[in-house]
């Protein structure tokens, strides 16, 4: 998952939970512009702690996983989407 894809994931999850950018930003103690920039991929780095806080806020967690030589579902979906 790229940084931009991760930002879109946060945005989609936030929206599907019915949470506004302003509400999430206020609850996490970050600027709404920072959250907006992260979701759109314009912010290059917001810090690991903030990423973990966003995931936790949306009831997700980050789990390390060994890199596989096999394609992921997302890779296969993207390959067939381009056809």
Protein backbone atom coordinates (compact mmCIF):
# COMPACT_ATOMS: atom_id res chain seq x y z
CA UNK A 1 0.00 0.00 0.00
CA UNK A 2 1.38 3.38 -0.96
CA UNK A 3 1.24 6.47 1.26
CA UNK A 4 -1.48 7.93 -0.98
CA UNK A 5 -3.53 4.71 -0.83
CA UNK A 6 -3.23 4.70 2.94
CA UNK A 7 -4.52 8.28 3.08
CA UNK A 8 -7.49 7.30 0.91
CA UNK A 9 -8.14 4.32 3.19
CA UNK A 10 -8.28 6.64 6.20
CA UNK A 11 -10.59 9.00 4.31
CA UNK A 12 -12.97 6.24 3.16
CA UNK A 13 -13.07 4.65 6.60
CA UNK A 14 -13.68 7.99 8.28
CA UNK A 15 -16.48 8.88 5.88
CA UNK A 16 -18.15 5.46 6.12
CA UNK A 17 -18.13 5.91 9.90
CA UNK A 18 -19.92 9.24 9.52
CA UNK A 19 -17.05 11.23 11.03
CA UNK A 20 -16.19 14.66 9.64
CA UNK A 21 -12.60 15.73 9.09
CA UNK A 22 -13.06 18.47 11.67
CA UNK A 23 -14.41 16.06 14.29
CA UNK A 24 -11.58 13.58 13.79
CA UNK A 25 -8.94 16.31 13.74
CA UNK A 26 -10.33 17.87 16.93
CA UNK A 27 -10.53 14.51 18.70
CA UNK A 28 -6.93 13.67 17.74
CA UNK A 29 -5.54 17.13 18.42
CA UNK A 30 -4.29 17.75 14.89
CA UNK A 31 -5.14 20.46 12.37
CA UNK A 32 -7.96 19.70 9.95
CA UNK A 33 -5.65 20.85 7.14
CA UNK A 34 -3.09 18.22 8.19
CA UNK A 35 -5.73 15.48 8.09
CA UNK A 36 -7.02 16.74 4.74
CA UNK A 37 -3.50 16.80 3.32
CA UNK A 38 -2.81 13.29 4.57
CA UNK A 39 -6.04 11.93 3.10
CA UNK A 40 -5.34 13.55 -0.27
CA UNK A 41 -1.65 12.56 -0.35
CA UNK A 42 -0.39 16.16 -0.27
CA UNK A 43 1.31 15.79 3.14
CA UNK A 44 4.58 13.91 2.72
CA UNK A 45 4.97 12.86 6.36
CA UNK A 46 2.78 13.24 9.42
CA UNK A 47 4.64 10.98 11.82
CA UNK A 48 4.18 7.40 12.84
CA UNK A 49 2.46 8.21 16.13
CA UNK A 50 -0.26 10.19 14.33
CA UNK A 51 -0.80 7.33 11.89
CA UNK A 52 -1.25 4.91 14.79
CA UNK A 53 -3.63 7.34 16.51
CA UNK A 54 -5.74 7.68 13.35
CA UNK A 55 -5.95 3.92 12.95
CA UNK A 56 -6.91 3.42 16.58
CA UNK A 57 -9.52 6.19 16.35
CA UNK A 58 -11.13 4.32 13.44
CA UNK A 59 -10.87 0.97 15.28
CA UNK A 60 -8.02 -0.40 13.17
CA UNK A 61 -4.49 -1.46 14.03
CA UNK A 62 -1.23 -1.78 12.17
CA UNK A 63 0.18 -5.29 12.01
CA UNK A 64 3.63 -6.00 10.53
CA UNK A 65 3.66 -8.65 7.87
CA UNK A 66 6.49 -10.31 5.99
CA UNK A 67 6.68 -9.29 2.35
CA UNK A 68 5.54 -12.05 0.03
CA UNK A 69 6.71 -12.71 -3.51
CA UNK A 70 3.11 -13.56 -4.42
CA UNK A 71 0.84 -10.76 -5.65
CA UNK A 72 -1.65 -9.30 -3.21
CA UNK A 73 -5.36 -9.02 -3.92
CA UNK A 74 -4.90 -5.28 -4.45
CA UNK A 75 -2.14 -5.92 -7.03
CA UNK A 76 -4.30 -8.38 -8.95
CA UNK A 77 -7.32 -6.07 -8.82
CA UNK A 78 -5.25 -3.16 -10.12
CA UNK A 79 -3.82 -5.30 -12.92
CA UNK A 80 -7.28 -6.35 -14.13
CA UNK A 81 -8.69 -2.84 -13.64
CA UNK A 82 -6.17 -1.50 -16.16
CA UNK A 83 -7.29 -3.97 -18.85
